[in-house]
């Protein structure tokens, strides 16, 4: 079966390398790693960027192996929450930037297609987050208000 929004077939995907849990982050204390994560989040970094910097600067391969939970769960436990999930916020930023581009370049057909795909992903994600209770029942994506939402962040 073909992947959604691509012309490719098959099930090939990237997989994380197998790392022994005892070797993962053995040189750094759990409390120190948690403090580092919280500090990065207070500076305004997204969980994906926090994970990258932990790998590069602090030699911590995967926090899920060390803590048994994701960086987002660690941030929620430390009362660092956002009103929108990070992946949804990134998609909205992408859609707003494409919308601005389309206002200047009205004949960019490929951008119109990519914008339509991004909006479809946003709608699917909102349905998912509403069903999980992470967004209110009446929350809807609106391109006009999305630009205001991005300016606030």
Protein backbone atom coordinates (compact mmCIF):
# COMPACT_ATOMS: atom_id res chain seq x y z
CA UNK A 1 0.00 0.00 0.00
CA UNK A 2 1.26 3.48 -0.81
CA UNK A 3 2.18 5.94 1.92
CA UNK A 4 -0.13 8.87 2.42
CA UNK A 5 0.97 12.03 0.57
CA UNK A 6 3.77 10.32 -1.32
CA UNK A 7 4.24 8.37 -4.50
CA UNK A 8 6.29 5.70 -2.75
CA UNK A 9 5.28 2.14 -1.98
CA UNK A 10 6.34 -0.23 0.71
CA UNK A 11 6.88 -0.24 4.43
CA UNK A 12 10.51 0.89 4.58
CA UNK A 13 11.18 3.40 7.34
CA UNK A 14 13.99 4.48 9.59
CA UNK A 15 14.43 2.60 12.82
CA UNK A 16 16.30 3.54 15.97
CA UNK A 17 19.51 1.63 16.59
CA UNK A 18 19.41 -1.00 19.28
CA UNK A 19 21.08 0.37 22.42
CA UNK A 20 21.42 -1.49 25.69
CA UNK A 21 19.48 0.32 28.42
CA UNK A 22 22.33 -0.15 30.90
CA UNK A 23 24.80 1.68 28.61
CA UNK A 24 22.44 4.51 27.65
CA UNK A 25 23.41 7.67 29.51
CA UNK A 26 25.34 5.79 32.17
CA UNK A 27 27.73 8.71 32.73
CA UNK A 28 24.99 11.28 33.54
CA UNK A 29 22.61 11.24 36.51
CA UNK A 30 18.85 11.12 35.88
CA UNK A 31 18.20 14.21 38.00
CA UNK A 32 20.83 16.17 36.07
CA UNK A 33 19.29 15.16 32.75
CA UNK A 34 15.85 16.19 33.98
CA UNK A 35 17.19 19.59 35.10
CA UNK A 36 18.81 20.07 31.69
CA UNK A 37 15.53 19.20 29.93
CA UNK A 38 13.55 21.64 32.08
CA UNK A 39 16.11 24.43 31.57
CA UNK A 40 16.03 23.99 27.80
CA UNK A 41 12.23 24.02 27.82
CA UNK A 42 12.16 27.23 29.87
CA UNK A 43 14.43 28.80 27.24
CA UNK A 44 11.74 28.01 24.66
CA UNK A 45 13.12 24.91 22.95
CA UNK A 46 10.77 22.30 21.52
CA UNK A 47 11.09 18.69 22.76
CA UNK A 48 12.60 17.56 19.44
CA UNK A 49 15.36 20.17 19.71
CA UNK A 50 15.92 19.26 23.35
CA UNK A 51 16.45 15.63 22.32
CA UNK A 52 18.92 16.65 19.61
CA UNK A 53 20.96 18.83 21.97
CA UNK A 54 21.00 16.08 24.60
CA UNK A 55 22.46 13.71 22.01
CA UNK A 56 25.04 16.15 20.66
CA UNK A 57 26.18 18.06 23.74
CA UNK A 58 25.49 15.73 26.66
CA UNK A 59 25.92 12.32 24.96
CA UNK A 60 22.51 11.08 26.10
CA UNK A 61 21.20 8.83 23.29
CA UNK A 62 17.49 8.37 24.15
CA UNK A 63 15.66 9.68 27.18
CA UNK A 64 12.97 7.05 26.80
CA UNK A 65 15.52 4.33 27.61
CA UNK A 66 16.72 6.17 30.71
CA UNK A 67 13.43 7.44 32.12
CA UNK A 68 10.90 5.14 30.51
CA UNK A 69 8.97 8.18 29.26
CA UNK A 70 9.28 10.82 26.58
CA UNK A 71 10.59 14.37 26.92
CA UNK A 72 7.04 15.72 26.58
CA UNK A 73 5.90 13.59 29.51
CA UNK A 74 8.83 14.84 31.59
CA UNK A 75 7.86 18.44 30.76
CA UNK A 76 4.21 17.78 31.68
CA UNK A 77 5.30 16.38 35.07
CA UNK A 78 7.30 19.57 35.69
CA UNK A 79 4.27 21.75 34.79
CA UNK A 80 5.76 23.05 31.55
CA UNK A 81 2.87 22.78 29.13
CA UNK A 82 1.77 24.56 25.99
CA UNK A 83 -1.79 25.15 24.90
CA UNK A 84 -1.09 23.38 21.58
CA UNK A 85 0.97 20.22 21.05
CA UNK A 86 4.36 20.89 19.47
CA UNK A 87 3.82 18.90 16.28
CA UNK A 88 0.53 20.66 15.59
CA UNK A 89 2.12 24.05 16.28
CA UNK A 90 4.95 23.29 13.84
CA UNK A 91 2.47 22.31 11.12
CA UNK A 92 0.48 25.50 11.70
CA UNK A 93 3.68 27.57 11.40
CA UNK A 94 4.48 25.81 8.14
CA UNK A 95 0.97 26.45 6.77
CA UNK A 96 1.09 30.13 7.75
CA UNK A 97 4.45 30.59 6.01
CA UNK A 98 3.15 28.89 2.85
CA UNK A 99 0.03 31.07 2.95
CA UNK A 100 2.20 34.21 3.08
CA UNK A 101 4.24 32.91 0.16
CA UNK A 102 1.08 32.26 -1.85
CA UNK A 103 -0.14 35.82 -1.29
CA UNK A 104 2.98 37.10 -3.07
CA UNK A 105 3.29 34.28 -5.64
CA UNK A 106 -0.24 33.38 -6.69
CA UNK A 107 0.88 31.05 -9.50
CA UNK A 108 2.98 28.72 -7.40
CA UNK A 109 0.87 25.63 -8.01
CA UNK A 110 3.19 23.20 -6.24
CA UNK A 111 2.98 25.34 -3.10
CA UNK A 112 -0.82 25.23 -3.29
CA UNK A 113 -0.69 21.45 -3.30
CA UNK A 114 1.74 21.32 -0.38
CA UNK A 115 -0.44 23.79 1.54
CA UNK A 116 -3.50 21.63 0.97
CA UNK A 117 -1.59 18.59 2.28
CA UNK A 118 -0.41 20.52 5.33
CA UNK A 119 -3.97 21.62 6.08
CA UNK A 120 -5.16 18.02 5.75
CA UNK A 121 -2.50 16.92 8.25
CA UNK A 122 -3.55 19.71 10.62
CA UNK A 123 -7.18 18.62 10.45
CA UNK A 124 -6.28 14.98 11.07
CA UNK A 125 -4.09 15.92 14.02
CA UNK A 126 -6.80 18.13 15.53
CA UNK A 127 -9.27 15.26 15.29
CA UNK A 128 -6.78 13.02 17.07
CA UNK A 129 -5.94 15.53 19.82
CA UNK A 130 -9.62 16.33 20.41
CA UNK A 131 -10.36 12.61 20.82
CA UNK A 132 -7.45 12.29 23.27
CA UNK A 133 -8.65 15.32 25.26
CA UNK A 134 -5.54 17.41 24.59
CA UNK A 135 -7.56 20.06 22.71
CA UNK A 136 -11.02 21.40 23.58
CA UNK A 137 -14.00 19.96 21.69
CA UNK A 138 -14.75 23.26 19.93
CA UNK A 139 -11.16 23.92 18.72
CA UNK A 140 -10.92 24.40 14.96
CA UNK A 141 -8.08 25.36 12.64
CA UNK A 142 -8.70 28.68 10.95
CA UNK A 143 -5.98 30.14 8.69
CA UNK A 144 -6.88 33.72 9.65
CA UNK A 145 -6.55 33.14 13.39
CA UNK A 146 -3.57 30.81 12.93
CA UNK A 147 -1.37 33.73 11.90
CA UNK A 148 -2.30 35.59 15.09
CA UNK A 149 -1.61 32.45 17.11
CA UNK A 150 1.87 32.10 15.61
CA UNK A 151 2.70 35.77 16.29
CA UNK A 152 1.95 35.25 19.99
CA UNK A 153 4.43 32.36 20.29
